[in-house]
Amino acid sequence: MTSNDKKADFSGVTAKVDSTAEVVPKADFSGVTATVDSTAEIVGEQSYTVQKGDSLSKIAKQHYGDANAWQKIFQANRDVLDDPDKIFPGQTLRLPAKS
């Protein structure tokens, strides 16, 4: 390079970028709620309609072969049973899957 060669002068150069891409707002899920209502039975779970003379231990003996499994039935039905000794004919109970 000789002393007479001029160097490029970029001191007055400015730039601006305009995009044609659409700005997509982020999804707002703050008001979203969900519930699931299902009548499908859980795999292996059965329902049983209480008959006159039934007790949880009698039902457990019939379905599990063990009268002491009444607690399993009681726990699975806490939403409808407050007392394991108070079940009524016509009442439908969930019987958890045999383990």
C-alpha atoms as a PDB file:
ATOM      1  CA  MET A   1       0.000   0.000   0.000  1.00  0.00           C
ATOM      2  CA  THR A   2       1.296   3.444  -0.838  1.00  0.00           C
ATOM      3  CA  SER A   3       0.800   6.576   1.184  1.00  0.00           C
ATOM      4  CA  ASN A   4      -1.490   7.996  -1.524  1.00  0.00           C
ATOM      5  CA  ASP A   5      -4.035   5.143  -1.171  1.00  0.00           C
ATOM      6  CA  LYS A   6      -7.160   6.151   0.668  1.00  0.00           C
ATOM      7  CA  LYS A   7      -8.619   3.859   3.285  1.00  0.00           C
ATOM      8  CA  ALA A   8     -12.340   3.234   3.322  1.00  0.00           C
ATOM      9  CA  ASP A   9     -14.161   5.507   5.731  1.00  0.00           C
ATOM     10  CA  PHE A  10     -17.161   3.832   7.370  1.00  0.00           C
ATOM     11  CA  SER A  11     -17.633   6.443  10.110  1.00  0.00           C
ATOM     12  CA  GLY A  12     -20.873   7.793   8.596  1.00  0.00           C
ATOM     13  CA  VAL A  13     -22.485   4.426   7.932  1.00  0.00           C
ATOM     14  CA  THR A  14     -25.671   3.540   9.828  1.00  0.00           C
ATOM     15  CA  ALA A  15     -27.939   0.526   9.531  1.00  0.00           C
ATOM     16  CA  LYS A  16     -31.544  -0.258  10.282  1.00  0.00           C
ATOM     17  CA  VAL A  17     -33.212  -3.653   9.909  1.00  0.00           C
ATOM     18  CA  ASP A  18     -36.928  -3.923   9.351  1.00  0.00           C
ATOM     19  CA  SER A  19     -38.336  -7.429   9.405  1.00  0.00           C
ATOM     20  CA  THR A  20     -41.344  -8.532   7.452  1.00  0.00           C
ATOM     21  CA  ALA A  21     -41.734 -11.514   9.768  1.00  0.00           C
ATOM     22  CA  GLU A  22     -44.911 -11.370  11.818  1.00  0.00           C
ATOM     23  CA  VAL A  23     -44.402 -11.029  15.549  1.00  0.00           C
ATOM     24  CA  VAL A  24     -46.456 -13.783  17.162  1.00  0.00           C
ATOM     25  CA  PRO A  25     -47.583 -13.066  20.716  1.00  0.00           C
ATOM     26  CA  LYS A  26     -46.875 -15.746  23.277  1.00  0.00           C
ATOM     27  CA  ALA A  27     -49.853 -17.881  24.239  1.00  0.00           C
ATOM     28  CA  ASP A  28     -51.485 -16.908  27.511  1.00  0.00           C
ATOM     29  CA  PHE A  29     -52.655 -19.992  29.393  1.00  0.00           C
ATOM     30  CA  SER A  30     -53.237 -18.214  32.703  1.00  0.00           C
ATOM     31  CA  GLY A  31     -57.014 -18.653  32.503  1.00  0.00           C
ATOM     32  CA  VAL A  32     -57.002 -22.276  31.390  1.00  0.00           C
ATOM     33  CA  THR A  33     -58.474 -24.923  33.654  1.00  0.00           C
ATOM     34  CA  ALA A  34     -59.154 -28.589  33.008  1.00  0.00           C
ATOM     35  CA  THR A  35     -61.217 -31.349  34.531  1.00  0.00           C
ATOM     36  CA  VAL A  36     -61.586 -34.960  33.557  1.00  0.00           C
ATOM     37  CA  ASP A  37     -64.808 -36.816  34.076  1.00  0.00           C
ATOM     38  CA  SER A  38     -64.718 -40.424  33.041  1.00  0.00           C
ATOM     39  CA  THR A  39     -67.098 -43.295  33.366  1.00  0.00           C
ATOM     40  CA  ALA A  40     -64.422 -45.710  32.181  1.00  0.00           C
ATOM     41  CA  GLU A  41     -63.445 -48.262  34.772  1.00  0.00           C
ATOM     42  CA  ILE A  42     -59.865 -48.568  35.876  1.00  0.00           C
ATOM     43  CA  VAL A  43     -58.333 -51.694  34.371  1.00  0.00           C
ATOM     44  CA  GLY A  44     -58.954 -54.621  36.675  1.00  0.00           C
ATOM     45  CA  GLU A  45     -61.352 -52.696  38.884  1.00  0.00           C
ATOM     46  CA  GLN A  46     -64.898 -53.970  39.163  1.00  0.00           C
ATOM     47  CA  SER A  47     -68.067 -52.621  40.633  1.00  0.00           C
ATOM     48  CA  TYR A  48     -70.322 -54.512  43.009  1.00  0.00           C
ATOM     49  CA  THR A  49     -73.897 -53.796  44.041  1.00  0.00           C
ATOM     50  CA  VAL A  50     -74.441 -54.499  47.723  1.00  0.00           C
ATOM     51  CA  GLN A  51     -77.026 -57.203  48.447  1.00  0.00           C
ATOM     52  CA  LYS A  52     -79.097 -57.722  51.606  1.00  0.00           C
ATOM     53  CA  GLY A  53     -76.947 -59.441  54.242  1.00  0.00           C
ATOM     54  CA  ASP A  54     -73.627 -58.304  52.711  1.00  0.00           C
ATOM     55  CA  SER A  55     -70.705 -56.960  54.698  1.00  0.00           C
ATOM     56  CA  LEU A  56     -67.373 -55.727  53.424  1.00  0.00           C
ATOM     57  CA  SER A  57     -65.683 -58.842  54.793  1.00  0.00           C
ATOM     58  CA  LYS A  58     -68.237 -61.110  53.077  1.00  0.00           C
ATOM     59  CA  ILE A  59     -67.720 -59.277  49.764  1.00  0.00           C
ATOM     60  CA  ALA A  60     -63.929 -59.471  50.242  1.00  0.00           C
ATOM     61  CA  LYS A  61     -64.116 -63.219  50.902  1.00  0.00           C
ATOM     62  CA  GLN A  62     -66.189 -63.732  47.715  1.00  0.00           C
ATOM     63  CA  HIS A  63     -64.010 -61.591  45.446  1.00  0.00           C
ATOM     64  CA  TYR A  64     -60.519 -61.900  46.913  1.00  0.00           C
ATOM     65  CA  GLY A  65     -60.735 -65.153  48.832  1.00  0.00           C
ATOM     66  CA  ASP A  66     -59.753 -63.290  52.001  1.00  0.00           C
ATOM     67  CA  ALA A  67     -62.274 -61.718  54.389  1.00  0.00           C
ATOM     68  CA  ASN A  68     -59.498 -59.518  55.797  1.00  0.00           C
ATOM     69  CA  ALA A  69     -59.290 -57.716  52.428  1.00  0.00           C
ATOM     70  CA  TRP A  70     -62.388 -55.711  53.462  1.00  0.00           C
ATOM     71  CA  GLN A  71     -60.061 -52.791  54.246  1.00  0.00           C
ATOM     72  CA  LYS A  72     -59.000 -52.671  50.586  1.00  0.00           C
ATOM     73  CA  ILE A  73     -62.658 -52.254  49.566  1.00  0.00           C
ATOM     74  CA  PHE A  74     -63.282 -49.674  52.287  1.00  0.00           C
ATOM     75  CA  GLN A  75     -60.270 -47.562  51.239  1.00  0.00           C
ATOM     76  CA  ALA A  76     -61.334 -47.661  47.591  1.00  0.00           C
ATOM     77  CA  ASN A  77     -64.781 -46.353  48.563  1.00  0.00           C
ATOM     78  CA  ARG A  78     -63.933 -43.664  51.145  1.00  0.00           C
ATOM     79  CA  ASP A  79     -65.782 -41.144  48.970  1.00  0.00           C
ATOM     80  CA  VAL A  80     -69.079 -42.989  49.599  1.00  0.00           C
ATOM     81  CA  LEU A  81     -68.418 -44.830  52.877  1.00  0.00           C
ATOM     82  CA  ASP A  82     -67.823 -43.207  56.248  1.00  0.00           C
ATOM     83  CA  ASP A  83     -68.158 -46.382  58.287  1.00  0.00           C
ATOM     84  CA  PRO A  84     -67.175 -49.865  57.057  1.00  0.00           C
ATOM     85  CA  ASP A  85     -70.094 -51.353  59.018  1.00  0.00           C
ATOM     86  CA  LYS A  86     -72.687 -49.186  57.258  1.00  0.00           C
ATOM     87  CA  ILE A  87     -73.284 -50.434  53.735  1.00  0.00           C
ATOM     88  CA  PHE A  88     -76.744 -50.691  52.230  1.00  0.00           C
ATOM     89  CA  PRO A  89     -78.449 -52.939  49.659  1.00  0.00           C
ATOM     90  CA  GLY A  90     -78.380 -51.271  46.234  1.00  0.00           C
ATOM     91  CA  GLN A  91     -75.215 -49.329  46.991  1.00  0.00           C
ATOM     92  CA  THR A  92     -72.544 -49.669  44.275  1.00  0.00           C
ATOM     93  CA  LEU A  93     -68.974 -50.179  45.489  1.00  0.00           C
ATOM     94  CA  ARG A  94     -65.668 -50.237  43.628  1.00  0.00           C
ATOM     95  CA  LEU A  95     -63.666 -53.426  44.028  1.00  0.00           C
ATOM     96  CA  PRO A  96     -59.972 -52.799  43.392  1.00  0.00           C
ATOM     97  CA  ALA A  97     -58.119 -55.166  41.091  1.00  0.00           C
ATOM     98  CA  LYS A  98     -56.965 -58.444  42.605  1.00  0.00           C
ATOM     99  CA  SER A  99     -53.259 -58.284  43.373  1.00  0.00           C
END
